Amino acid sequence: MHCPFCRNSDTRVLDSRVAEDGGAIRRRRTCQACDRRFTTVEHIQLTVVKKSGAAEAFNRDKVVAGVRKACTGRPVSDDDLAMLGQTVENTLRAAGSAEIPAVEVGLAVLEPLRALDQVAYLRFASVYKSFSSVDDFADEVAALMAERADLDPDASHAGEPAEANSP
């Protein structure tokens, strides 16, 4: 590590702390030549390994851009997308691996997107899961409907006529 003041390469670490919820390490350093102190922050770099074997740095903006396409015309704000991107990154970092297969990135997107907007989820899932027929859509919609019925029993009766009370 070079000193930012005198460019000397002989620096010493005085203190190290975990920062940004485990996504970085903050180090307090001192230069052996000029005796000045400075702080460095080391970020853990996530690498995405594609199906082809090529590797590239994880880019949260790229994830958000892909999800934004699925959210076209939906009531999803830029803040919602930013939060989803952060959630995906946190999920991937929590896995504890520096190299993540691209398929894991897609899987990390599905659950928070399902909670955010089910129509956008279906759009994203149709591409990500390579739906090949209407039956694939129907199966996914049925799973969403069953999930909603489990969470809200009254939702399963929506659209049914109310029973008339007899006197």
C-alpha atoms as a PDB file:
ATOM      1  CA  MET A   1       0.000   0.000   0.000  1.00  0.00           C
ATOM      2  CA  HIS A   2       1.451   3.340  -1.048  1.00  0.00           C
ATOM      3  CA  CYS A   3       1.216   6.360   1.235  1.00  0.00           C
ATOM      4  CA  PRO A   4      -1.106   8.947  -0.377  1.00  0.00           C
ATOM      5  CA  PHE A   5       1.135  11.755   0.931  1.00  0.00           C
ATOM      6  CA  CYS A   6       4.710  10.722   0.050  1.00  0.00           C
ATOM      7  CA  ARG A   7       4.059   7.646  -2.183  1.00  0.00           C
ATOM      8  CA  ASN A   8       6.301   5.484   0.000  1.00  0.00           C
ATOM      9  CA  SER A   9       5.363   1.804  -0.181  1.00  0.00           C
ATOM     10  CA  ASP A  10       6.341   1.019   3.414  1.00  0.00           C
ATOM     11  CA  THR A  11       3.161   1.416   5.469  1.00  0.00           C
ATOM     12  CA  ARG A  12       2.033  -0.334   8.617  1.00  0.00           C
ATOM     13  CA  VAL A  13      -1.505  -1.340   9.662  1.00  0.00           C
ATOM     14  CA  LEU A  14      -2.478   0.094  13.042  1.00  0.00           C
ATOM     15  CA  ASP A  15      -6.073  -1.139  13.228  1.00  0.00           C
ATOM     16  CA  SER A  16      -8.477  -3.250  11.130  1.00  0.00           C
ATOM     17  CA  ARG A  17     -12.255  -3.358  11.427  1.00  0.00           C
ATOM     18  CA  VAL A  18     -15.097  -4.923   9.520  1.00  0.00           C
ATOM     19  CA  ALA A  19     -17.215  -2.278   7.772  1.00  0.00           C
ATOM     20  CA  GLU A  20     -20.350  -2.060   5.638  1.00  0.00           C
ATOM     21  CA  ASP A  21     -21.984  -5.101   7.246  1.00  0.00           C
ATOM     22  CA  GLY A  22     -19.068  -7.364   6.415  1.00  0.00           C
ATOM     23  CA  GLY A  23     -18.688  -6.202   2.811  1.00  0.00           C
ATOM     24  CA  ALA A  24     -15.483  -4.299   3.467  1.00  0.00           C
ATOM     25  CA  ILE A  25     -12.506  -3.986   5.801  1.00  0.00           C
ATOM     26  CA  ARG A  26     -11.440  -0.595   7.114  1.00  0.00           C
ATOM     27  CA  ARG A  27      -7.743  -0.304   7.926  1.00  0.00           C
ATOM     28  CA  ARG A  28      -6.008   2.548   9.730  1.00  0.00           C
ATOM     29  CA  ARG A  29      -2.422   2.826   8.481  1.00  0.00           C
ATOM     30  CA  THR A  30       0.704   4.834   9.159  1.00  0.00           C
ATOM     31  CA  CYS A  31       3.522   5.619   6.760  1.00  0.00           C
ATOM     32  CA  GLN A  32       6.961   4.559   7.972  1.00  0.00           C
ATOM     33  CA  ALA A  33       8.655   7.361   5.981  1.00  0.00           C
ATOM     34  CA  CYS A  34       6.565  10.496   6.659  1.00  0.00           C
ATOM     35  CA  ASP A  35       4.778   9.212   9.784  1.00  0.00           C
ATOM     36  CA  ARG A  36       1.368  10.397   8.551  1.00  0.00           C
ATOM     37  CA  ARG A  37      -1.774   8.349   9.087  1.00  0.00           C
ATOM     38  CA  PHE A  38      -4.484   7.430   6.594  1.00  0.00           C
ATOM     39  CA  THR A  39      -7.402   5.066   6.223  1.00  0.00           C
ATOM     40  CA  THR A  40      -8.008   2.489   3.515  1.00  0.00           C
ATOM     41  CA  VAL A  41     -11.186   0.567   2.813  1.00  0.00           C
ATOM     42  CA  GLU A  42     -10.879  -2.808   1.153  1.00  0.00           C
ATOM     43  CA  HIS A  43     -14.003  -4.094  -0.583  1.00  0.00           C
ATOM     44  CA  ILE A  44     -14.549  -7.762  -1.191  1.00  0.00           C
ATOM     45  CA  GLN A  45     -14.922  -8.243  -4.944  1.00  0.00           C
ATOM     46  CA  LEU A  46     -17.656 -10.612  -6.072  1.00  0.00           C
ATOM     47  CA  THR A  47     -17.006 -12.361  -9.373  1.00  0.00           C
ATOM     48  CA  VAL A  48     -19.775 -13.784 -11.536  1.00  0.00           C
ATOM     49  CA  VAL A  49     -18.856 -16.890 -13.527  1.00  0.00           C
ATOM     50  CA  LYS A  50     -20.957 -17.201 -16.668  1.00  0.00           C
ATOM     51  CA  LYS A  51     -22.058 -20.444 -18.331  1.00  0.00           C
ATOM     52  CA  SER A  52     -19.291 -19.980 -20.911  1.00  0.00           C
ATOM     53  CA  GLY A  53     -16.708 -19.956 -18.116  1.00  0.00           C
ATOM     54  CA  ALA A  54     -15.949 -16.265 -18.540  1.00  0.00           C
ATOM     55  CA  ALA A  55     -15.740 -14.306 -15.302  1.00  0.00           C
ATOM     56  CA  GLU A  56     -16.634 -10.686 -14.654  1.00  0.00           C
ATOM     57  CA  ALA A  57     -17.008  -8.477 -11.613  1.00  0.00           C
ATOM     58  CA  PHE A  58     -20.476  -8.432 -10.055  1.00  0.00           C
ATOM     59  CA  ASN A  59     -22.328  -5.289 -11.107  1.00  0.00           C
ATOM     60  CA  ARG A  60     -25.441  -4.380  -9.135  1.00  0.00           C
ATOM     61  CA  ASP A  61     -26.462  -1.891 -11.845  1.00  0.00           C
ATOM     62  CA  LYS A  62     -26.537  -4.712 -14.388  1.00  0.00           C
ATOM     63  CA  VAL A  63     -28.886  -6.719 -12.150  1.00  0.00           C
ATOM     64  CA  VAL A  64     -31.145  -3.680 -11.678  1.00  0.00           C
ATOM     65  CA  ALA A  65     -31.166  -3.010 -15.430  1.00  0.00           C
ATOM     66  CA  GLY A  66     -32.331  -6.574 -16.116  1.00  0.00           C
ATOM     67  CA  VAL A  67     -35.070  -6.360 -13.506  1.00  0.00           C
ATOM     68  CA  ARG A  68     -36.084  -2.889 -14.759  1.00  0.00           C
ATOM     69  CA  LYS A  69     -36.999  -4.472 -18.123  1.00  0.00           C
ATOM     70  CA  ALA A  70     -39.316  -6.917 -16.367  1.00  0.00           C
ATOM     71  CA  CYS A  71     -40.871  -4.012 -14.426  1.00  0.00           C
ATOM     72  CA  THR A  72     -41.709  -1.932 -17.508  1.00  0.00           C
ATOM     73  CA  GLY A  73     -45.189  -0.459 -17.063  1.00  0.00           C
ATOM     74  CA  ARG A  74     -45.452  -1.698 -13.477  1.00  0.00           C
ATOM     75  CA  PRO A  75     -45.786   0.488 -10.360  1.00  0.00           C
ATOM     76  CA  VAL A  76     -42.185  -0.109  -9.279  1.00  0.00           C
ATOM     77  CA  SER A  77     -40.015   2.875  -8.352  1.00  0.00           C
ATOM     78  CA  ASP A  78     -36.292   3.358  -8.872  1.00  0.00           C
ATOM     79  CA  ASP A  79     -35.910   3.187  -5.086  1.00  0.00           C
ATOM     80  CA  ASP A  80     -37.638  -0.217  -5.089  1.00  0.00           C
ATOM     81  CA  LEU A  81     -35.222  -1.424  -7.762  1.00  0.00           C
ATOM     82  CA  ALA A  82     -32.215  -0.045  -5.878  1.00  0.00           C
ATOM     83  CA  MET A  83     -33.350  -1.854  -2.727  1.00  0.00           C
ATOM     84  CA  LEU A  84     -33.847  -5.063  -4.703  1.00  0.00           C
ATOM     85  CA  GLY A  85     -30.325  -4.714  -6.127  1.00  0.00           C
ATOM     86  CA  GLN A  86     -28.922  -4.264  -2.618  1.00  0.00           C
ATOM     87  CA  THR A  87     -30.881  -7.285  -1.374  1.00  0.00           C
ATOM     88  CA  VAL A  88     -29.497  -9.424  -4.208  1.00  0.00           C
ATOM     89  CA  GLU A  89     -25.940  -8.283  -3.488  1.00  0.00           C
ATOM     90  CA  ASN A  90     -26.369  -8.938   0.245  1.00  0.00           C
ATOM     91  CA  THR A  91     -27.715 -12.419  -0.482  1.00  0.00           C
ATOM     92  CA  LEU A  92     -24.753 -13.217  -2.715  1.00  0.00           C
ATOM     93  CA  ARG A  93     -22.234 -11.862  -0.198  1.00  0.00           C
ATOM     94  CA  ALA A  94     -23.880 -13.865   2.588  1.00  0.00           C
ATOM     95  CA  ALA A  95     -23.188 -17.043   0.606  1.00  0.00           C
ATOM     96  CA  GLY A  96     -19.546 -16.496   1.552  1.00  0.00           C
ATOM     97  CA  SER A  97     -18.017 -17.208  -1.847  1.00  0.00           C
ATOM     98  CA  ALA A  98     -16.038 -14.752  -3.956  1.00  0.00           C
ATOM     99  CA  GLU A  99     -17.039 -16.525  -7.193  1.00  0.00           C
ATOM    100  CA  ILE A 100     -20.728 -16.925  -7.916  1.00  0.00           C
ATOM    101  CA  PRO A 101     -22.202 -18.835 -10.853  1.00  0.00           C
ATOM    102  CA  ALA A 102     -24.458 -16.607 -12.991  1.00  0.00           C
ATOM    103  CA  VAL A 103     -27.381 -18.918 -12.278  1.00  0.00           C
ATOM    104  CA  GLU A 104     -27.091 -18.041  -8.572  1.00  0.00           C
ATOM    105  CA  VAL A 105     -27.476 -14.354  -9.385  1.00  0.00           C
ATOM    106  CA  GLY A 106     -30.758 -15.097 -11.172  1.00  0.00           C
ATOM    107  CA  LEU A 107     -31.976 -17.216  -8.274  1.00  0.00           C
ATOM    108  CA  ALA A 108     -31.114 -14.408  -5.852  1.00  0.00           C
ATOM    109  CA  VAL A 109     -33.303 -12.035  -7.926  1.00  0.00           C
ATOM    110  CA  LEU A 110     -36.405 -14.241  -8.066  1.00  0.00           C
ATOM    111  CA  GLU A 111     -37.560 -14.159  -4.435  1.00  0.00           C
ATOM    112  CA  PRO A 112     -37.272 -10.403  -3.768  1.00  0.00           C
ATOM    113  CA  LEU A 113     -38.842  -9.689  -7.166  1.00  0.00           C
ATOM    114  CA  ARG A 114     -41.742 -12.020  -6.359  1.00  0.00           C
ATOM    115  CA  ALA A 115     -42.356 -10.025  -3.174  1.00  0.00           C
ATOM    116  CA  LEU A 116     -42.026  -6.699  -5.005  1.00  0.00           C
ATOM    117  CA  ASP A 117     -44.286  -7.284  -8.019  1.00  0.00           C
ATOM    118  CA  GLN A 118     -45.746 -10.609  -9.129  1.00  0.00           C
ATOM    119  CA  VAL A 119     -46.302  -9.562 -12.758  1.00  0.00           C
ATOM    120  CA  ALA A 120     -42.683  -8.429 -13.060  1.00  0.00           C
ATOM    121  CA  TYR A 121     -41.683 -11.681 -11.366  1.00  0.00           C
ATOM    122  CA  LEU A 122     -43.552 -13.689 -14.006  1.00  0.00           C
ATOM    123  CA  ARG A 123     -41.889 -11.717 -16.795  1.00  0.00           C
ATOM    124  CA  PHE A 124     -38.418 -12.209 -15.314  1.00  0.00           C
ATOM    125  CA  ALA A 125     -39.035 -15.875 -14.466  1.00  0.00           C
ATOM    126  CA  SER A 126     -40.312 -16.586 -17.978  1.00  0.00           C
ATOM    127  CA  VAL A 127     -36.938 -15.568 -19.392  1.00  0.00           C
ATOM    128  CA  TYR A 128     -34.760 -16.825 -16.540  1.00  0.00           C
ATOM    129  CA  LYS A 129     -36.476 -20.209 -16.278  1.00  0.00           C
ATOM    130  CA  SER A 130     -36.853 -20.464 -20.073  1.00  0.00           C
ATOM    131  CA  PHE A 131     -40.610 -20.972 -20.181  1.00  0.00           C
ATOM    132  CA  SER A 132     -41.387 -22.825 -23.386  1.00  0.00           C
ATOM    133  CA  SER A 133     -45.173 -22.955 -23.315  1.00  0.00           C
ATOM    134  CA  VAL A 134     -48.310 -21.434 -21.866  1.00  0.00           C
ATOM    135  CA  ASP A 135     -48.399 -24.377 -19.466  1.00  0.00           C
ATOM    136  CA  ASP A 136     -45.176 -23.121 -17.873  1.00  0.00           C
ATOM    137  CA  PHE A 137     -46.844 -19.747 -17.241  1.00  0.00           C
ATOM    138  CA  ALA A 138     -49.990 -21.460 -15.937  1.00  0.00           C
ATOM    139  CA  ASP A 139     -47.961 -23.562 -13.502  1.00  0.00           C
ATOM    140  CA  GLU A 140     -46.120 -20.500 -12.187  1.00  0.00           C
ATOM    141  CA  VAL A 141     -49.360 -18.494 -11.846  1.00  0.00           C
ATOM    142  CA  ALA A 142     -50.959 -21.439 -10.016  1.00  0.00           C
ATOM    143  CA  ALA A 143     -48.024 -21.503  -7.597  1.00  0.00           C
ATOM    144  CA  LEU A 144     -48.391 -17.750  -6.977  1.00  0.00           C
ATOM    145  CA  MET A 145     -52.147 -18.107  -6.422  1.00  0.00           C
ATOM    146  CA  ALA A 146     -51.625 -20.998  -3.996  1.00  0.00           C
ATOM    147  CA  GLU A 147     -49.018 -18.992  -2.115  1.00  0.00           C
ATOM    148  CA  ARG A 148     -51.363 -16.009  -1.870  1.00  0.00           C
ATOM    149  CA  ALA A 149     -54.210 -18.252  -0.657  1.00  0.00           C
ATOM    150  CA  ASP A 150     -51.932 -19.670   2.050  1.00  0.00           C
ATOM    151  CA  LEU A 151     -50.958 -16.171   3.206  1.00  0.00           C
ATOM    152  CA  ASP A 152     -54.471 -14.685   3.048  1.00  0.00           C
ATOM    153  CA  PRO A 153     -57.296 -17.242   3.303  1.00  0.00           C
ATOM    154  CA  ASP A 154     -59.868 -14.544   2.418  1.00  0.00           C
ATOM    155  CA  ALA A 155     -58.074 -13.939  -0.934  1.00  0.00           C
ATOM    156  CA  SER A 156     -59.016 -17.432  -2.089  1.00  0.00           C
ATOM    157  CA  HIS A 157     -62.688 -16.430  -1.957  1.00  0.00           C
ATOM    158  CA  ALA A 158     -62.208 -13.226  -3.903  1.00  0.00           C
ATOM    159  CA  GLY A 159     -64.535 -13.067  -6.877  1.00  0.00           C
ATOM    160  CA  GLU A 160     -67.006 -15.561  -5.394  1.00  0.00           C
ATOM    161  CA  PRO A 161     -70.503 -14.290  -4.643  1.00  0.00           C
ATOM    162  CA  ALA A 162     -71.241 -13.660  -0.994  1.00  0.00           C
ATOM    163  CA  GLU A 163     -73.704 -16.049   0.616  1.00  0.00           C
ATOM    164  CA  ALA A 164     -77.047 -14.511   1.419  1.00  0.00           C
ATOM    165  CA  ASN A 165     -77.917 -14.443   5.087  1.00  0.00           C
ATOM    166  CA  SER A 166     -81.289 -16.020   5.801  1.00  0.00           C
ATOM    167  CA  PRO A 167     -83.578 -14.350   8.325  1.00  0.00           C
END
